[in-house]
Amino acid sequence: MAEEVTFADFQKFDFRVGKIVEATQVPASKKLIQLTVDFGTEKRTAVAGLLKYYAPEQLLGKKCVFLLNLQRRVLAGIESQCMILAAEDNEDHVSVLIPEKDIAEGSKIG
């Protein structure tokens, strides 16, 4: 079990709903997908190791949950500016997190 955090610590995270408007396999990678995500007021790039679980076209148009204020990282030469959230079980099934109802891009989660 992970260490408990305070509510003040939780408030530091900027979780938002973003709509995936572009999704392509990262060249020369067997794991990575490059996503362009619309957050309503801005678009950001995310690089995610989801290729084993999703074809890029399966992610197009989906509204998913992202963490926006995670420190940026360069993966396969591409700067990842946010992180998509996904759940993984003990049987290696992975599912990106999708809001139950349609909600505007950029909606804050908390």
N, C-alpha and C. Protein backbone atom coordinates (compact mmCIF):
# COMPACT_ATOMS: atom_id res chain seq x y z
N MET A 1 0.84 -1.18 0.00
CA MET A 1 0.00 0.00 0.00
C MET A 1 0.89 1.25 0.00
N ALA A 2 0.50 2.24 -0.73
CA ALA A 2 1.27 3.48 -0.81
C ALA A 2 1.08 4.31 0.46
N GLU A 3 2.05 5.16 0.70
CA GLU A 3 2.00 6.05 1.85
C GLU A 3 0.83 7.04 1.72
N GLU A 4 0.15 7.33 2.82
CA GLU A 4 -0.93 8.31 2.81
C GLU A 4 -0.37 9.70 2.58
N VAL A 5 -1.14 10.53 1.89
CA VAL A 5 -0.76 11.92 1.67
C VAL A 5 -1.82 12.82 2.27
N THR A 6 -1.45 14.04 2.56
CA THR A 6 -2.41 14.98 3.12
C THR A 6 -3.29 15.53 2.00
N PHE A 7 -4.41 16.11 2.38
CA PHE A 7 -5.29 16.74 1.39
C PHE A 7 -4.54 17.88 0.70
N ALA A 8 -3.72 18.61 1.45
CA ALA A 8 -2.92 19.70 0.86
C ALA A 8 -1.98 19.16 -0.22
N ASP A 9 -1.39 17.98 0.01
CA ASP A 9 -0.54 17.36 -1.00
C ASP A 9 -1.36 16.97 -2.23
N PHE A 10 -2.53 16.40 -2.02
CA PHE A 10 -3.41 16.01 -3.12
C PHE A 10 -3.78 17.22 -3.99
N GLN A 11 -4.02 18.36 -3.35
CA GLN A 11 -4.41 19.56 -4.08
C GLN A 11 -3.33 20.08 -5.01
N LYS A 12 -2.11 19.63 -4.84
CA LYS A 12 -1.00 20.06 -5.70
C LYS A 12 -1.10 19.45 -7.09
N PHE A 13 -1.81 18.33 -7.21
CA PHE A 13 -1.93 17.65 -8.51
C PHE A 13 -3.00 18.31 -9.36
N ASP A 14 -2.68 18.51 -10.64
CA ASP A 14 -3.62 19.12 -11.58
C ASP A 14 -4.12 18.04 -12.54
N PHE A 15 -5.19 17.35 -12.12
CA PHE A 15 -5.82 16.33 -12.96
C PHE A 15 -6.90 17.01 -13.79
N ARG A 16 -6.92 16.72 -15.09
CA ARG A 16 -7.92 17.32 -15.98
C ARG A 16 -8.36 16.32 -17.05
N VAL A 17 -9.52 16.60 -17.62
CA VAL A 17 -10.04 15.82 -18.74
C VAL A 17 -9.48 16.42 -20.02
N GLY A 18 -8.94 15.56 -20.87
CA GLY A 18 -8.43 16.01 -22.17
C GLY A 18 -8.96 15.11 -23.27
N LYS A 19 -9.16 15.70 -24.44
CA LYS A 19 -9.63 14.93 -25.60
C LYS A 19 -8.45 14.65 -26.52
N ILE A 20 -8.25 13.39 -26.84
CA ILE A 20 -7.15 12.98 -27.71
C ILE A 20 -7.53 13.30 -29.15
N VAL A 21 -6.79 14.23 -29.77
CA VAL A 21 -7.10 14.67 -31.12
C VAL A 21 -6.14 14.10 -32.16
N GLU A 22 -4.99 13.59 -31.72
CA GLU A 22 -4.05 12.90 -32.60
C GLU A 22 -3.39 11.78 -31.80
N ALA A 23 -3.16 10.66 -32.46
CA ALA A 23 -2.48 9.53 -31.81
C ALA A 23 -1.69 8.78 -32.88
N THR A 24 -0.37 8.67 -32.67
CA THR A 24 0.48 7.98 -33.63
C THR A 24 1.53 7.16 -32.89
N GLN A 25 1.93 6.06 -33.50
CA GLN A 25 3.02 5.27 -32.93
C GLN A 25 4.30 6.06 -33.06
N VAL A 26 5.10 6.07 -32.00
CA VAL A 26 6.39 6.73 -32.04
C VAL A 26 7.31 5.89 -32.94
N PRO A 27 7.90 6.52 -33.96
CA PRO A 27 8.78 5.76 -34.86
C PRO A 27 9.89 5.04 -34.08
N ALA A 28 10.21 3.85 -34.51
CA ALA A 28 11.27 3.03 -33.91
C ALA A 28 10.98 2.63 -32.47
N SER A 29 9.72 2.64 -32.06
CA SER A 29 9.35 2.20 -30.72
C SER A 29 8.29 1.12 -30.82
N LYS A 30 8.41 0.10 -29.98
CA LYS A 30 7.41 -0.97 -29.96
C LYS A 30 6.41 -0.78 -28.84
N LYS A 31 6.56 0.30 -28.04
CA LYS A 31 5.71 0.51 -26.88
C LYS A 31 4.99 1.84 -26.86
N LEU A 32 5.57 2.87 -27.49
CA LEU A 32 5.11 4.24 -27.26
C LEU A 32 4.13 4.75 -28.31
N ILE A 33 3.16 5.52 -27.80
CA ILE A 33 2.21 6.25 -28.64
C ILE A 33 2.34 7.73 -28.29
N GLN A 34 2.43 8.57 -29.32
CA GLN A 34 2.44 10.02 -29.11
C GLN A 34 1.01 10.53 -29.26
N LEU A 35 0.55 11.25 -28.24
CA LEU A 35 -0.81 11.79 -28.23
C LEU A 35 -0.77 13.30 -28.27
N THR A 36 -1.66 13.91 -29.03
CA THR A 36 -1.91 15.33 -28.93
C THR A 36 -3.26 15.46 -28.24
N VAL A 37 -3.27 16.21 -27.14
CA VAL A 37 -4.44 16.25 -26.27
C VAL A 37 -4.94 17.69 -26.16
N ASP A 38 -6.26 17.86 -26.39
CA ASP A 38 -6.90 19.17 -26.29
C ASP A 38 -7.50 19.33 -24.90
N PHE A 39 -7.05 20.37 -24.19
CA PHE A 39 -7.56 20.67 -22.86
C PHE A 39 -8.45 21.91 -22.88
N GLY A 40 -8.98 22.26 -24.02
CA GLY A 40 -9.90 23.40 -24.12
C GLY A 40 -9.18 24.71 -24.38
N THR A 41 -8.26 25.08 -23.51
CA THR A 41 -7.52 26.33 -23.66
C THR A 41 -6.13 26.12 -24.24
N GLU A 42 -5.68 24.88 -24.30
CA GLU A 42 -4.36 24.56 -24.84
C GLU A 42 -4.31 23.11 -25.28
N LYS A 43 -3.33 22.80 -26.12
CA LYS A 43 -3.06 21.42 -26.51
C LYS A 43 -1.68 21.04 -25.99
N ARG A 44 -1.55 19.79 -25.56
CA ARG A 44 -0.29 19.28 -25.05
C ARG A 44 0.01 17.93 -25.68
N THR A 45 1.30 17.57 -25.61
CA THR A 45 1.75 16.28 -26.09
C THR A 45 1.97 15.34 -24.91
N ALA A 46 1.51 14.11 -25.07
CA ALA A 46 1.78 13.06 -24.09
C ALA A 46 2.41 11.89 -24.83
N VAL A 47 3.38 11.26 -24.20
CA VAL A 47 3.98 10.04 -24.75
C VAL A 47 3.68 8.94 -23.75
N ALA A 48 3.01 7.90 -24.22
CA ALA A 48 2.53 6.85 -23.31
C ALA A 48 2.90 5.47 -23.82
N GLY A 49 3.26 4.58 -22.92
CA GLY A 49 3.61 3.21 -23.27
C GLY A 49 2.38 2.32 -23.36
N LEU A 50 1.50 2.65 -24.27
CA LEU A 50 0.21 1.96 -24.38
C LEU A 50 0.06 1.09 -25.62
N LEU A 51 1.09 1.02 -26.47
CA LEU A 51 0.94 0.35 -27.75
C LEU A 51 0.61 -1.14 -27.62
N LYS A 52 1.00 -1.76 -26.54
CA LYS A 52 0.68 -3.18 -26.30
C LYS A 52 -0.82 -3.36 -26.04
N TYR A 53 -1.48 -2.30 -25.59
CA TYR A 53 -2.88 -2.39 -25.15
C TYR A 53 -3.87 -1.68 -26.08
N TYR A 54 -3.38 -0.69 -26.83
CA TYR A 54 -4.25 0.10 -27.70
C TYR A 54 -3.55 0.37 -29.03
N ALA A 55 -4.30 0.28 -30.11
CA ALA A 55 -3.83 0.81 -31.39
C ALA A 55 -4.06 2.32 -31.32
N PRO A 56 -3.19 3.13 -31.91
CA PRO A 56 -3.38 4.57 -31.82
C PRO A 56 -4.79 5.03 -32.21
N GLU A 57 -5.36 4.43 -33.24
CA GLU A 57 -6.69 4.87 -33.70
C GLU A 57 -7.78 4.58 -32.66
N GLN A 58 -7.56 3.62 -31.77
CA GLN A 58 -8.55 3.34 -30.71
C GLN A 58 -8.63 4.48 -29.69
N LEU A 59 -7.59 5.28 -29.59
CA LEU A 59 -7.57 6.37 -28.62
C LEU A 59 -8.09 7.68 -29.19
N LEU A 60 -8.12 7.80 -30.50
CA LEU A 60 -8.59 9.03 -31.14
C LEU A 60 -10.00 9.39 -30.72
N GLY A 61 -10.18 10.64 -30.31
CA GLY A 61 -11.50 11.14 -29.94
C GLY A 61 -11.91 10.82 -28.52
N LYS A 62 -11.15 10.00 -27.80
CA LYS A 62 -11.50 9.66 -26.41
C LYS A 62 -11.17 10.82 -25.48
N LYS A 63 -12.04 11.01 -24.50
CA LYS A 63 -11.76 11.94 -23.43
C LYS A 63 -11.25 11.13 -22.25
N CYS A 64 -10.05 11.45 -21.80
CA CYS A 64 -9.40 10.67 -20.75
C CYS A 64 -8.92 11.60 -19.64
N VAL A 65 -8.45 11.00 -18.56
CA VAL A 65 -7.93 11.75 -17.42
C VAL A 65 -6.41 11.86 -17.55
N PHE A 66 -5.90 13.07 -17.36
CA PHE A 66 -4.47 13.36 -17.47
C PHE A 66 -3.99 14.13 -16.25
N LEU A 67 -2.71 13.96 -15.95
CA LEU A 67 -2.04 14.77 -14.94
C LEU A 67 -1.20 15.79 -15.69
N LEU A 68 -1.51 17.09 -15.47
CA LEU A 68 -0.85 18.13 -16.24
C LEU A 68 0.43 18.66 -15.60
N ASN A 69 0.54 18.63 -14.29
CA ASN A 69 1.70 19.28 -13.68
C ASN A 69 2.79 18.31 -13.22
N LEU A 70 2.85 17.15 -13.85
CA LEU A 70 3.96 16.23 -13.62
C LEU A 70 5.18 16.80 -14.36
N GLN A 71 6.36 16.67 -13.77
CA GLN A 71 7.57 17.18 -14.41
C GLN A 71 7.69 16.60 -15.82
N ARG A 72 7.98 17.47 -16.78
CA ARG A 72 8.07 17.03 -18.17
C ARG A 72 9.28 16.11 -18.36
N ARG A 73 9.14 15.20 -19.33
CA ARG A 73 10.16 14.20 -19.57
C ARG A 73 10.29 13.95 -21.06
N VAL A 74 11.49 13.68 -21.53
CA VAL A 74 11.70 13.38 -22.93
C VAL A 74 11.78 11.86 -23.10
N LEU A 75 10.90 11.33 -23.95
CA LEU A 75 10.86 9.90 -24.25
C LEU A 75 11.02 9.73 -25.76
N ALA A 76 11.99 8.95 -26.17
CA ALA A 76 12.25 8.71 -27.59
C ALA A 76 12.37 10.03 -28.36
N GLY A 77 12.97 11.03 -27.71
CA GLY A 77 13.20 12.31 -28.36
C GLY A 77 12.00 13.25 -28.38
N ILE A 78 10.91 12.87 -27.74
CA ILE A 78 9.68 13.69 -27.73
C ILE A 78 9.40 14.12 -26.30
N GLU A 79 9.15 15.42 -26.10
CA GLU A 79 8.83 15.91 -24.76
C GLU A 79 7.39 15.56 -24.40
N SER A 80 7.22 14.82 -23.32
CA SER A 80 5.89 14.49 -22.81
C SER A 80 5.51 15.57 -21.81
N GLN A 81 4.42 16.28 -22.09
CA GLN A 81 4.01 17.46 -21.32
C GLN A 81 2.88 17.18 -20.34
N CYS A 82 2.42 15.94 -20.30
CA CYS A 82 1.37 15.52 -19.38
C CYS A 82 1.37 14.00 -19.37
N MET A 83 0.59 13.41 -18.46
CA MET A 83 0.56 11.95 -18.37
C MET A 83 -0.88 11.46 -18.35
N ILE A 84 -1.17 10.51 -19.23
CA ILE A 84 -2.49 9.89 -19.24
C ILE A 84 -2.56 8.89 -18.08
N LEU A 85 -3.71 8.81 -17.42
CA LEU A 85 -3.87 7.87 -16.32
C LEU A 85 -4.55 6.60 -16.82
N ALA A 86 -4.06 5.47 -16.32
CA ALA A 86 -4.60 4.17 -16.71
C ALA A 86 -4.55 3.24 -15.51
N ALA A 87 -5.42 2.25 -15.53
CA ALA A 87 -5.45 1.24 -14.48
C ALA A 87 -4.88 -0.06 -15.06
N GLU A 88 -4.17 -0.82 -14.22
CA GLU A 88 -3.62 -2.11 -14.63
C GLU A 88 -3.92 -3.13 -13.55
N ASP A 89 -4.41 -4.30 -13.97
CA ASP A 89 -4.69 -5.35 -12.98
C ASP A 89 -3.56 -6.37 -12.96
N ASN A 90 -3.72 -7.41 -12.16
CA ASN A 90 -2.68 -8.43 -12.01
C ASN A 90 -2.56 -9.35 -13.21
N GLU A 91 -3.48 -9.25 -14.16
CA GLU A 91 -3.44 -10.10 -15.35
C GLU A 91 -2.99 -9.34 -16.58
N ASP A 92 -2.32 -8.19 -16.36
CA ASP A 92 -1.76 -7.36 -17.43
C ASP A 92 -2.83 -6.75 -18.35
N HIS A 93 -4.01 -6.50 -17.81
CA HIS A 93 -5.04 -5.75 -18.55
C HIS A 93 -4.86 -4.28 -18.19
N VAL A 94 -4.92 -3.42 -19.19
CA VAL A 94 -4.75 -1.98 -18.97
C VAL A 94 -5.94 -1.26 -19.58
N SER A 95 -6.44 -0.26 -18.85
CA SER A 95 -7.55 0.56 -19.33
C SER A 95 -7.28 2.02 -18.99
N VAL A 96 -7.34 2.89 -20.00
CA VAL A 96 -7.22 4.32 -19.73
C VAL A 96 -8.47 4.77 -18.96
N LEU A 97 -8.32 5.81 -18.14
CA LEU A 97 -9.44 6.29 -17.34
C LEU A 97 -10.25 7.29 -18.15
N ILE A 98 -11.55 7.00 -18.24
CA ILE A 98 -12.47 7.81 -19.05
C ILE A 98 -13.63 8.26 -18.16
N PRO A 99 -13.99 9.55 -18.20
CA PRO A 99 -15.13 10.01 -17.40
C PRO A 99 -16.42 9.26 -17.79
N GLU A 100 -17.26 9.02 -16.82
CA GLU A 100 -18.50 8.29 -17.05
C GLU A 100 -19.45 9.06 -17.97
N LYS A 101 -19.51 10.38 -17.81
CA LYS A 101 -20.38 11.22 -18.64
C LYS A 101 -19.53 12.15 -19.49
N ASP A 102 -20.12 12.65 -20.58
CA ASP A 102 -19.42 13.61 -21.42
C ASP A 102 -19.23 14.90 -20.64
N ILE A 103 -18.01 15.39 -20.60
CA ILE A 103 -17.69 16.60 -19.86
C ILE A 103 -16.68 17.39 -20.67
N ALA A 104 -16.69 18.69 -20.53
CA ALA A 104 -15.84 19.57 -21.34
C ALA A 104 -14.36 19.30 -21.15
N GLU A 105 -13.61 19.42 -22.25
CA GLU A 105 -12.17 19.33 -22.17
C GLU A 105 -11.64 20.39 -21.21
N GLY A 106 -10.66 20.02 -20.41
CA GLY A 106 -10.08 20.94 -19.44
C GLY A 106 -10.76 20.91 -18.08
N SER A 107 -11.85 20.15 -17.96
CA SER A 107 -12.52 20.07 -16.66
C SER A 107 -11.56 19.54 -15.61
N LYS A 108 -11.53 20.20 -14.46
CA LYS A 108 -10.62 19.85 -13.38
C LYS A 108 -11.21 18.68 -12.58
N ILE A 109 -10.34 17.78 -12.18
CA ILE A 109 -10.73 16.62 -11.38
C ILE A 109 -10.18 16.80 -9.98
N GLY A 110 -11.00 16.57 -8.99
CA GLY A 110 -10.49 16.72 -7.62
C GLY A 110 -11.57 16.60 -6.60
